[in-house]
């Protein structure tokens, strides 16, 4: 990008493009950004014109981020994360700690020590604000990697080499049935006892 292009470049287009990729649709991005769909489509076209490359293939109902688009998306995450931290970097409050703590959590996190830690931290540093988002564990990791989140709490199957991990607790899963089920209250059951039973499951990382 030459100096003239850099001065004329609309950096808001990068944020719009990031949201488009994350929502995987123009309509979803418009709803999230509180904009009209034509405005978002036009922003994508302007960005592609300025970059000089097709970023998203969305012909005939398809939505596929191109190789160039994927590379730009990863850069956008870093840029947006840096911009989001500017207010904290520029603030000067003497000895009083200020800033914004952005946490991303998996939906099933139940950890009382975390509640206690946040309570004590808030009492010691009342000028710090908080924001908590709930997402899948994969998305939590992505948000921390892109520096959109201060930290995240989620399930961990494999550790990413760029992140630091601390184990807070172990989560246990089990099979449960209600009082009307014929296996309710029985002990020493095995998986073979459940083989022909109907069940309700949920998706998890």
C-alpha atoms as a PDB file:
ATOM      1  CA  UNK A   1       0.000   0.000   0.000  1.00  0.00           C
ATOM      2  CA  UNK A   2       1.622   3.280  -1.132  1.00  0.00           C
ATOM      3  CA  UNK A   3       1.522   6.497   0.898  1.00  0.00           C
ATOM      4  CA  UNK A   4      -1.326   8.028  -1.121  1.00  0.00           C
ATOM      5  CA  UNK A   5      -3.469   4.912  -0.765  1.00  0.00           C
ATOM      6  CA  UNK A   6      -2.679   4.733   2.954  1.00  0.00           C
ATOM      7  CA  UNK A   7      -3.872   8.308   3.480  1.00  0.00           C
ATOM      8  CA  UNK A   8      -7.078   7.735   1.511  1.00  0.00           C
ATOM      9  CA  UNK A   9      -7.824   4.277   2.884  1.00  0.00           C
ATOM     10  CA  UNK A  10     -11.045   3.895   4.895  1.00  0.00           C
ATOM     11  CA  UNK A  11      -9.969   1.786   7.874  1.00  0.00           C
ATOM     12  CA  UNK A  12     -13.606   1.204   8.876  1.00  0.00           C
ATOM     13  CA  UNK A  13     -13.824  -1.151   5.907  1.00  0.00           C
ATOM     14  CA  UNK A  14     -11.512  -3.578   7.704  1.00  0.00           C
ATOM     15  CA  UNK A  15     -13.853  -3.786  10.681  1.00  0.00           C
ATOM     16  CA  UNK A  16     -16.823  -4.345   8.394  1.00  0.00           C
ATOM     17  CA  UNK A  17     -14.944  -7.073   6.518  1.00  0.00           C
ATOM     18  CA  UNK A  18     -14.006  -8.774   9.816  1.00  0.00           C
ATOM     19  CA  UNK A  19     -17.655  -8.913  10.872  1.00  0.00           C
ATOM     20  CA  UNK A  20     -18.730 -10.227   7.450  1.00  0.00           C
ATOM     21  CA  UNK A  21     -16.292 -13.125   7.723  1.00  0.00           C
ATOM     22  CA  UNK A  22     -17.279 -13.904  11.322  1.00  0.00           C
ATOM     23  CA  UNK A  23     -21.012 -13.823  10.541  1.00  0.00           C
ATOM     24  CA  UNK A  24     -20.479 -15.657   7.232  1.00  0.00           C
ATOM     25  CA  UNK A  25     -23.114 -13.528   5.545  1.00  0.00           C
ATOM     26  CA  UNK A  26     -23.808  -9.968   4.469  1.00  0.00           C
ATOM     27  CA  UNK A  27     -27.185 -10.035   6.212  1.00  0.00           C
ATOM     28  CA  UNK A  28     -25.719 -11.268   9.493  1.00  0.00           C
ATOM     29  CA  UNK A  29     -23.014  -8.607   9.363  1.00  0.00           C
ATOM     30  CA  UNK A  30     -25.599  -5.907   8.667  1.00  0.00           C
ATOM     31  CA  UNK A  31     -27.655  -6.990  11.674  1.00  0.00           C
ATOM     32  CA  UNK A  32     -24.612  -7.023  13.942  1.00  0.00           C
ATOM     33  CA  UNK A  33     -23.367  -3.644  12.724  1.00  0.00           C
ATOM     34  CA  UNK A  34     -26.877  -2.116  12.759  1.00  0.00           C
ATOM     35  CA  UNK A  35     -26.498  -1.174   9.094  1.00  0.00           C
ATOM     36  CA  UNK A  36     -28.533  -1.792   5.961  1.00  0.00           C
ATOM     37  CA  UNK A  37     -27.500  -4.757   3.822  1.00  0.00           C
ATOM     38  CA  UNK A  38     -26.658  -2.647   0.727  1.00  0.00           C
ATOM     39  CA  UNK A  39     -24.290  -0.545   2.872  1.00  0.00           C
ATOM     40  CA  UNK A  40     -22.386  -3.646   3.964  1.00  0.00           C
ATOM     41  CA  UNK A  41     -22.265  -5.038   0.414  1.00  0.00           C
ATOM     42  CA  UNK A  42     -20.962  -1.708  -0.837  1.00  0.00           C
ATOM     43  CA  UNK A  43     -18.297  -1.640   1.900  1.00  0.00           C
ATOM     44  CA  UNK A  44     -17.069  -5.080   0.827  1.00  0.00           C
ATOM     45  CA  UNK A  45     -16.888  -3.994  -2.812  1.00  0.00           C
ATOM     46  CA  UNK A  46     -14.990  -0.808  -1.886  1.00  0.00           C
ATOM     47  CA  UNK A  47     -12.501  -2.825   0.156  1.00  0.00           C
ATOM     48  CA  UNK A  48     -11.972  -5.313  -2.677  1.00  0.00           C
ATOM     49  CA  UNK A  49     -11.440  -2.405  -5.094  1.00  0.00           C
ATOM     50  CA  UNK A  50      -8.895  -0.741  -2.806  1.00  0.00           C
ATOM     51  CA  UNK A  51      -7.087  -4.006  -2.019  1.00  0.00           C
ATOM     52  CA  UNK A  52      -7.221  -5.091  -5.649  1.00  0.00           C
ATOM     53  CA  UNK A  53      -8.316  -8.666  -4.912  1.00  0.00           C
ATOM     54  CA  UNK A  54     -11.505 -10.681  -4.530  1.00  0.00           C
ATOM     55  CA  UNK A  55     -11.934 -11.397  -0.826  1.00  0.00           C
ATOM     56  CA  UNK A  56     -15.189 -13.375  -0.692  1.00  0.00           C
ATOM     57  CA  UNK A  57     -16.729 -15.627  -3.328  1.00  0.00           C
ATOM     58  CA  UNK A  58     -20.475 -15.296  -2.887  1.00  0.00           C
ATOM     59  CA  UNK A  59     -21.877 -16.070  -6.313  1.00  0.00           C
ATOM     60  CA  UNK A  60     -24.939 -18.310  -6.703  1.00  0.00           C
ATOM     61  CA  UNK A  61     -25.603 -18.567  -2.987  1.00  0.00           C
ATOM     62  CA  UNK A  62     -22.004 -19.438  -2.103  1.00  0.00           C
ATOM     63  CA  UNK A  63     -20.091 -17.773   0.699  1.00  0.00           C
ATOM     64  CA  UNK A  64     -16.427 -18.693   0.709  1.00  0.00           C
ATOM     65  CA  UNK A  65     -13.542 -16.571   1.910  1.00  0.00           C
ATOM     66  CA  UNK A  66     -10.779 -16.563  -0.683  1.00  0.00           C
ATOM     67  CA  UNK A  67      -7.134 -17.207   0.151  1.00  0.00           C
ATOM     68  CA  UNK A  68      -6.436 -13.466  -0.020  1.00  0.00           C
ATOM     69  CA  UNK A  69      -9.506 -12.791   2.113  1.00  0.00           C
ATOM     70  CA  UNK A  70      -8.413 -15.241   4.782  1.00  0.00           C
ATOM     71  CA  UNK A  71      -4.956 -13.663   4.946  1.00  0.00           C
ATOM     72  CA  UNK A  72      -6.512 -10.201   5.258  1.00  0.00           C
ATOM     73  CA  UNK A  73      -8.937 -11.413   7.929  1.00  0.00           C
ATOM     74  CA  UNK A  74      -6.099 -12.553  10.192  1.00  0.00           C
ATOM     75  CA  UNK A  75      -4.407  -9.171   9.782  1.00  0.00           C
ATOM     76  CA  UNK A  76      -7.696  -7.376  10.478  1.00  0.00           C
ATOM     77  CA  UNK A  77      -8.094  -9.206  13.784  1.00  0.00           C
ATOM     78  CA  UNK A  78      -4.698  -7.915  14.903  1.00  0.00           C
ATOM     79  CA  UNK A  79      -5.450  -4.371  13.713  1.00  0.00           C
ATOM     80  CA  UNK A  80      -8.885  -4.196  15.336  1.00  0.00           C
ATOM     81  CA  UNK A  81      -7.469  -5.586  18.575  1.00  0.00           C
ATOM     82  CA  UNK A  82      -4.757  -2.908  18.615  1.00  0.00           C
ATOM     83  CA  UNK A  83      -7.268  -0.130  17.935  1.00  0.00           C
ATOM     84  CA  UNK A  84      -9.515  -1.395  20.722  1.00  0.00           C
ATOM     85  CA  UNK A  85      -6.647  -1.032  23.199  1.00  0.00           C
ATOM     86  CA  UNK A  86      -5.725   2.532  22.236  1.00  0.00           C
ATOM     87  CA  UNK A  87      -7.909   4.157  24.890  1.00  0.00           C
ATOM     88  CA  UNK A  88      -6.220   2.089  27.605  1.00  0.00           C
ATOM     89  CA  UNK A  89      -2.754   2.918  26.265  1.00  0.00           C
ATOM     90  CA  UNK A  90      -3.453   6.661  26.088  1.00  0.00           C
ATOM     91  CA  UNK A  91      -5.214   6.996  29.450  1.00  0.00           C
ATOM     92  CA  UNK A  92      -3.287   8.489  32.347  1.00  0.00           C
ATOM     93  CA  UNK A  93      -4.947   8.171  35.727  1.00  0.00           C
ATOM     94  CA  UNK A  94      -1.966   8.332  38.046  1.00  0.00           C
ATOM     95  CA  UNK A  95      -1.989   5.445  40.473  1.00  0.00           C
ATOM     96  CA  UNK A  96      -5.630   4.544  39.812  1.00  0.00           C
ATOM     97  CA  UNK A  97      -5.911   1.495  37.576  1.00  0.00           C
ATOM     98  CA  UNK A  98      -8.312   2.064  34.685  1.00  0.00           C
ATOM     99  CA  UNK A  99      -9.211   0.241  31.512  1.00  0.00           C
ATOM    100  CA  UNK A 100     -11.633  -2.264  30.100  1.00  0.00           C
ATOM    101  CA  UNK A 101     -11.494  -5.988  30.834  1.00  0.00           C
ATOM    102  CA  UNK A 102     -12.997  -8.062  28.017  1.00  0.00           C
ATOM    103  CA  UNK A 103     -13.552 -11.721  28.851  1.00  0.00           C
ATOM    104  CA  UNK A 104     -14.808 -14.513  26.610  1.00  0.00           C
ATOM    105  CA  UNK A 105     -16.284 -17.559  28.343  1.00  0.00           C
ATOM    106  CA  UNK A 106     -17.733 -20.877  27.267  1.00  0.00           C
ATOM    107  CA  UNK A 107     -21.443 -21.022  28.066  1.00  0.00           C
ATOM    108  CA  UNK A 108     -21.154 -23.715  30.754  1.00  0.00           C
ATOM    109  CA  UNK A 109     -18.517 -22.090  32.982  1.00  0.00           C
ATOM    110  CA  UNK A 110     -19.505 -22.390  36.643  1.00  0.00           C
ATOM    111  CA  UNK A 111     -16.503 -21.463  38.761  1.00  0.00           C
ATOM    112  CA  UNK A 112     -17.200 -19.662  42.092  1.00  0.00           C
ATOM    113  CA  UNK A 113     -13.519 -18.619  42.600  1.00  0.00           C
ATOM    114  CA  UNK A 114     -13.798 -16.575  39.401  1.00  0.00           C
ATOM    115  CA  UNK A 115     -16.797 -14.707  40.824  1.00  0.00           C
ATOM    116  CA  UNK A 116     -14.851 -14.031  44.025  1.00  0.00           C
ATOM    117  CA  UNK A 117     -11.778 -12.850  42.089  1.00  0.00           C
ATOM    118  CA  UNK A 118     -13.828 -10.420  39.982  1.00  0.00           C
ATOM    119  CA  UNK A 119     -15.550  -9.100  43.096  1.00  0.00           C
ATOM    120  CA  UNK A 120     -12.253  -8.442  44.870  1.00  0.00           C
ATOM    121  CA  UNK A 121     -10.669  -6.934  41.738  1.00  0.00           C
ATOM    122  CA  UNK A 122     -13.628  -4.601  41.237  1.00  0.00           C
ATOM    123  CA  UNK A 123     -13.491  -3.488  44.854  1.00  0.00           C
ATOM    124  CA  UNK A 124      -9.766  -2.719  44.533  1.00  0.00           C
ATOM    125  CA  UNK A 125     -10.049  -1.094  41.080  1.00  0.00           C
ATOM    126  CA  UNK A 126     -13.554   0.401  40.690  1.00  0.00           C
ATOM    127  CA  UNK A 127     -12.567   2.407  37.581  1.00  0.00           C
ATOM    128  CA  UNK A 128     -12.044  -0.743  35.516  1.00  0.00           C
ATOM    129  CA  UNK A 129     -15.041  -1.740  33.394  1.00  0.00           C
ATOM    130  CA  UNK A 130     -15.991  -5.280  32.328  1.00  0.00           C
ATOM    131  CA  UNK A 131     -17.467  -6.973  29.297  1.00  0.00           C
ATOM    132  CA  UNK A 132     -18.254 -10.690  29.134  1.00  0.00           C
ATOM    133  CA  UNK A 133     -19.123 -12.548  25.925  1.00  0.00           C
ATOM    134  CA  UNK A 134     -20.236 -16.169  25.706  1.00  0.00           C
ATOM    135  CA  UNK A 135     -19.141 -18.369  22.801  1.00  0.00           C
ATOM    136  CA  UNK A 136     -17.870 -21.809  21.904  1.00  0.00           C
ATOM    137  CA  UNK A 137     -14.426 -22.746  23.165  1.00  0.00           C
ATOM    138  CA  UNK A 138     -12.999 -22.504  19.638  1.00  0.00           C
ATOM    139  CA  UNK A 139     -14.254 -18.930  19.306  1.00  0.00           C
ATOM    140  CA  UNK A 140     -12.913 -18.042  22.752  1.00  0.00           C
ATOM    141  CA  UNK A 141      -9.432 -19.105  21.664  1.00  0.00           C
ATOM    142  CA  UNK A 142      -9.765 -17.133  18.409  1.00  0.00           C
ATOM    143  CA  UNK A 143     -10.741 -13.981  20.314  1.00  0.00           C
ATOM    144  CA  UNK A 144      -7.726 -14.243  22.615  1.00  0.00           C
ATOM    145  CA  UNK A 145      -5.392 -14.925  19.686  1.00  0.00           C
ATOM    146  CA  UNK A 146      -6.643 -11.835  17.859  1.00  0.00           C
ATOM    147  CA  UNK A 147      -6.293  -9.787  21.064  1.00  0.00           C
ATOM    148  CA  UNK A 148      -9.994  -8.976  21.020  1.00  0.00           C
ATOM    149  CA  UNK A 149     -10.240 -10.515  24.493  1.00  0.00           C
ATOM    150  CA  UNK A 150      -8.150  -9.893  27.592  1.00  0.00           C
ATOM    151  CA  UNK A 151      -8.444 -13.575  28.446  1.00  0.00           C
ATOM    152  CA  UNK A 152     -10.808 -16.495  27.986  1.00  0.00           C
ATOM    153  CA  UNK A 153     -12.122 -19.440  29.963  1.00  0.00           C
ATOM    154  CA  UNK A 154     -13.082 -22.506  27.945  1.00  0.00           C
ATOM    155  CA  UNK A 155     -12.542 -26.184  27.326  1.00  0.00           C
ATOM    156  CA  UNK A 156      -9.053 -27.024  26.079  1.00  0.00           C
ATOM    157  CA  UNK A 157      -8.338 -30.073  23.967  1.00  0.00           C
ATOM    158  CA  UNK A 158      -5.050 -28.940  22.400  1.00  0.00           C
ATOM    159  CA  UNK A 159      -2.924 -26.002  23.502  1.00  0.00           C
ATOM    160  CA  UNK A 160      -2.035 -23.266  21.029  1.00  0.00           C
ATOM    161  CA  UNK A 161       1.703 -22.436  21.074  1.00  0.00           C
ATOM    162  CA  UNK A 162       1.052 -18.670  21.146  1.00  0.00           C
ATOM    163  CA  UNK A 163      -1.103 -18.744  24.271  1.00  0.00           C
ATOM    164  CA  UNK A 164      -0.422 -19.200  27.965  1.00  0.00           C
ATOM    165  CA  UNK A 165      -2.738 -21.624  29.777  1.00  0.00           C
ATOM    166  CA  UNK A 166      -3.724 -22.119  33.395  1.00  0.00           C
ATOM    167  CA  UNK A 167      -6.017 -24.943  34.438  1.00  0.00           C
ATOM    168  CA  UNK A 168      -8.805 -23.652  36.655  1.00  0.00           C
ATOM    169  CA  UNK A 169     -10.890 -26.783  37.080  1.00  0.00           C
ATOM    170  CA  UNK A 170     -11.898 -30.065  35.492  1.00  0.00           C
ATOM    171  CA  UNK A 171     -15.356 -30.537  34.037  1.00  0.00           C
ATOM    172  CA  UNK A 172     -17.096 -33.894  34.343  1.00  0.00           C
ATOM    173  CA  UNK A 173     -19.800 -35.196  32.046  1.00  0.00           C
ATOM    174  CA  UNK A 174     -22.334 -37.908  32.818  1.00  0.00           C
ATOM    175  CA  UNK A 175     -25.597 -39.560  31.813  1.00  0.00           C
ATOM    176  CA  UNK A 176     -28.772 -38.535  33.628  1.00  0.00           C
ATOM    177  CA  UNK A 177     -32.394 -39.634  33.621  1.00  0.00           C
ATOM    178  CA  UNK A 178     -35.544 -38.447  35.328  1.00  0.00           C
ATOM    179  CA  UNK A 179     -37.706 -40.149  38.001  1.00  0.00           C
ATOM    180  CA  UNK A 180     -40.051 -41.648  35.398  1.00  0.00           C
ATOM    181  CA  UNK A 181     -37.262 -43.484  33.565  1.00  0.00           C
ATOM    182  CA  UNK A 182     -37.004 -47.225  34.230  1.00  0.00           C
ATOM    183  CA  UNK A 183     -33.296 -46.919  35.088  1.00  0.00           C
ATOM    184  CA  UNK A 184     -33.797 -44.145  37.625  1.00  0.00           C
ATOM    185  CA  UNK A 185     -32.176 -44.949  40.969  1.00  0.00           C
ATOM    186  CA  UNK A 186     -30.393 -48.067  39.747  1.00  0.00           C
ATOM    187  CA  UNK A 187     -26.720 -48.484  40.587  1.00  0.00           C
ATOM    188  CA  UNK A 188     -23.702 -50.067  38.880  1.00  0.00           C
ATOM    189  CA  UNK A 189     -25.067 -49.479  35.361  1.00  0.00           C
ATOM    190  CA  UNK A 190     -22.769 -49.969  32.372  1.00  0.00           C
ATOM    191  CA  UNK A 191     -22.776 -48.531  28.873  1.00  0.00           C
ATOM    192  CA  UNK A 192     -24.324 -51.783  27.688  1.00  0.00           C
ATOM    193  CA  UNK A 193     -27.413 -50.968  29.792  1.00  0.00           C
ATOM    194  CA  UNK A 194     -27.813 -47.719  27.869  1.00  0.00           C
ATOM    195  CA  UNK A 195     -27.212 -49.092  24.399  1.00  0.00           C
ATOM    196  CA  UNK A 196     -30.851 -49.110  23.264  1.00  0.00           C
ATOM    197  CA  UNK A 197     -31.988 -46.091  25.253  1.00  0.00           C
ATOM    198  CA  UNK A 198     -33.160 -42.903  23.589  1.00  0.00           C
ATOM    199  CA  UNK A 199     -31.190 -39.819  24.601  1.00  0.00           C
ATOM    200  CA  UNK A 200     -30.901 -36.068  24.248  1.00  0.00           C
ATOM    201  CA  UNK A 201     -27.397 -34.736  23.559  1.00  0.00           C
ATOM    202  CA  UNK A 202     -25.742 -31.363  23.044  1.00  0.00           C
ATOM    203  CA  UNK A 203     -22.800 -30.110  21.016  1.00  0.00           C
ATOM    204  CA  UNK A 204     -19.578 -29.292  22.829  1.00  0.00           C
ATOM    205  CA  UNK A 205     -15.910 -28.775  22.035  1.00  0.00           C
END
